[in-house]
Amino acid sequence: MADTIKTVRSALTITEWIAIGSLAISICVGIFTGGVMYGQVDKNSQDIAELKPKVDAISTKIERIDANVEFLAGLAKEERARR
């Protein structure tokens, strides 16, 4: 039976510390980016909620204007037909 030698390392090398630091920085950047994206989505949702009533009011006004234009166009056609 062959004897196996087990080595236990107690200290990390500089390369391993750099890798751990890079991983920590990447995680922090990911969390920050997620927070920024969440803030943008929340702000956009609030803007949409504010704009929806305004769009509904404008579309009602546009419908009234369109009805008036159709009425005036009909009057203009009748007046041309009389001439």
C-alpha atoms as a PDB file:
ATOM      1  CA  MET A   1       0.000   0.000   0.000  1.00  0.00           C
ATOM      2  CA  ALA A   2       1.412   3.312  -1.008  1.00  0.00           C
ATOM      3  CA  ASP A   3       1.675   6.047   1.548  1.00  0.00           C
ATOM      4  CA  THR A   4       0.045   9.301   0.547  1.00  0.00           C
ATOM      5  CA  ILE A   5       1.374  12.594   1.705  1.00  0.00           C
ATOM      6  CA  LYS A   6      -1.196  15.274   2.374  1.00  0.00           C
ATOM      7  CA  THR A   7      -0.039  18.853   2.325  1.00  0.00           C
ATOM      8  CA  VAL A   8      -2.066  21.530   3.992  1.00  0.00           C
ATOM      9  CA  ARG A   9      -1.521  25.070   2.835  1.00  0.00           C
ATOM     10  CA  SER A  10      -2.211  27.770   5.345  1.00  0.00           C
ATOM     11  CA  ALA A  11      -1.395  30.920   3.358  1.00  0.00           C
ATOM     12  CA  LEU A  12      -2.831  32.221   0.111  1.00  0.00           C
ATOM     13  CA  THR A  13      -0.599  33.485  -2.660  1.00  0.00           C
ATOM     14  CA  ILE A  14      -0.831  37.006  -4.053  1.00  0.00           C
ATOM     15  CA  THR A  15      -2.491  35.651  -7.201  1.00  0.00           C
ATOM     16  CA  GLU A  16      -5.230  34.032  -5.149  1.00  0.00           C
ATOM     17  CA  TRP A  17      -5.789  37.259  -3.194  1.00  0.00           C
ATOM     18  CA  ILE A  18      -6.100  39.172  -6.484  1.00  0.00           C
ATOM     19  CA  ALA A  19      -8.628  36.625  -7.749  1.00  0.00           C
ATOM     20  CA  ILE A  20     -10.656  36.947  -4.531  1.00  0.00           C
ATOM     21  CA  GLY A  21     -10.505  40.752  -4.771  1.00  0.00           C
ATOM     22  CA  SER A  22     -11.619  40.659  -8.397  1.00  0.00           C
ATOM     23  CA  LEU A  23     -14.549  38.418  -7.512  1.00  0.00           C
ATOM     24  CA  ALA A  24     -15.578  40.746  -4.674  1.00  0.00           C
ATOM     25  CA  ILE A  25     -15.385  43.786  -6.957  1.00  0.00           C
ATOM     26  CA  SER A  26     -17.424  41.993  -9.637  1.00  0.00           C
ATOM     27  CA  ILE A  27     -20.115  41.120  -7.107  1.00  0.00           C
ATOM     28  CA  CYS A  28     -20.243  44.739  -5.876  1.00  0.00           C
ATOM     29  CA  VAL A  29     -20.518  46.050  -9.441  1.00  0.00           C
ATOM     30  CA  GLY A  30     -23.329  43.583 -10.154  1.00  0.00           C
ATOM     31  CA  ILE A  31     -25.246  44.698  -7.063  1.00  0.00           C
ATOM     32  CA  PHE A  32     -24.731  48.366  -7.955  1.00  0.00           C
ATOM     33  CA  THR A  33     -25.869  47.804 -11.542  1.00  0.00           C
ATOM     34  CA  GLY A  34     -28.941  45.947 -10.331  1.00  0.00           C
ATOM     35  CA  GLY A  35     -29.804  48.864  -8.041  1.00  0.00           C
ATOM     36  CA  VAL A  36     -29.412  51.386 -10.839  1.00  0.00           C
ATOM     37  CA  MET A  37     -31.589  49.308 -13.170  1.00  0.00           C
ATOM     38  CA  TYR A  38     -34.247  48.909 -10.462  1.00  0.00           C
ATOM     39  CA  GLY A  39     -34.261  52.686  -9.928  1.00  0.00           C
ATOM     40  CA  GLN A  40     -34.652  53.353 -13.651  1.00  0.00           C
ATOM     41  CA  VAL A  41     -37.510  50.857 -13.985  1.00  0.00           C
ATOM     42  CA  ASP A  42     -39.248  52.371 -10.962  1.00  0.00           C
ATOM     43  CA  LYS A  43     -38.848  55.910 -12.328  1.00  0.00           C
ATOM     44  CA  ASN A  44     -40.142  54.856 -15.751  1.00  0.00           C
ATOM     45  CA  SER A  45     -43.159  53.179 -14.136  1.00  0.00           C
ATOM     46  CA  GLN A  46     -43.960  56.388 -12.257  1.00  0.00           C
ATOM     47  CA  ASP A  47     -43.605  58.461 -15.439  1.00  0.00           C
ATOM     48  CA  ILE A  48     -45.941  56.132 -17.326  1.00  0.00           C
ATOM     49  CA  ALA A  49     -48.497  56.320 -14.506  1.00  0.00           C
ATOM     50  CA  GLU A  50     -48.383  60.137 -14.718  1.00  0.00           C
ATOM     51  CA  LEU A  51     -48.672  60.232 -18.509  1.00  0.00           C
ATOM     52  CA  LYS A  52     -51.581  57.777 -18.952  1.00  0.00           C
ATOM     53  CA  PRO A  53     -54.305  60.193 -17.718  1.00  0.00           C
ATOM     54  CA  LYS A  54     -52.867  62.971 -19.874  1.00  0.00           C
ATOM     55  CA  VAL A  55     -52.891  60.743 -22.957  1.00  0.00           C
ATOM     56  CA  ASP A  56     -56.511  59.760 -22.265  1.00  0.00           C
ATOM     57  CA  ALA A  57     -57.501  63.431 -21.963  1.00  0.00           C
ATOM     58  CA  ILE A  58     -55.664  64.316 -25.165  1.00  0.00           C
ATOM     59  CA  SER A  59     -57.254  61.453 -27.089  1.00  0.00           C
ATOM     60  CA  THR A  60     -60.712  62.682 -26.001  1.00  0.00           C
ATOM     61  CA  LYS A  61     -59.868  66.165 -27.273  1.00  0.00           C
ATOM     62  CA  ILE A  62     -58.552  64.734 -30.542  1.00  0.00           C
ATOM     63  CA  GLU A  63     -61.804  62.807 -31.040  1.00  0.00           C
ATOM     64  CA  ARG A  64     -63.794  66.024 -30.567  1.00  0.00           C
ATOM     65  CA  ILE A  65     -61.534  67.913 -32.964  1.00  0.00           C
ATOM     66  CA  ASP A  66     -61.844  65.096 -35.509  1.00  0.00           C
ATOM     67  CA  ALA A  67     -65.642  65.194 -35.258  1.00  0.00           C
ATOM     68  CA  ASN A  68     -65.608  68.975 -35.774  1.00  0.00           C
ATOM     69  CA  VAL A  69     -63.310  68.657 -38.796  1.00  0.00           C
ATOM     70  CA  GLU A  70     -65.566  66.005 -40.344  1.00  0.00           C
ATOM     71  CA  PHE A  71     -68.595  68.253 -39.781  1.00  0.00           C
ATOM     72  CA  LEU A  72     -66.833  71.258 -41.331  1.00  0.00           C
ATOM     73  CA  ALA A  73     -65.619  69.149 -44.261  1.00  0.00           C
ATOM     74  CA  GLY A  74     -69.205  68.039 -44.864  1.00  0.00           C
ATOM     75  CA  LEU A  75     -70.394  71.653 -44.801  1.00  0.00           C
ATOM     76  CA  ALA A  76     -67.647  72.633 -47.261  1.00  0.00           C
ATOM     77  CA  LYS A  77     -68.688  69.829 -49.660  1.00  0.00           C
ATOM     78  CA  GLU A  78     -72.326  70.930 -49.481  1.00  0.00           C
ATOM     79  CA  GLU A  79     -71.346  74.541 -50.159  1.00  0.00           C
ATOM     80  CA  ARG A  80     -69.232  73.514 -53.182  1.00  0.00           C
ATOM     81  CA  ALA A  81     -72.100  71.409 -54.478  1.00  0.00           C
ATOM     82  CA  ARG A  82     -74.411  74.435 -54.348  1.00  0.00           C
ATOM     83  CA  ARG A  83     -72.093  76.527 -56.524  1.00  0.00           C
END
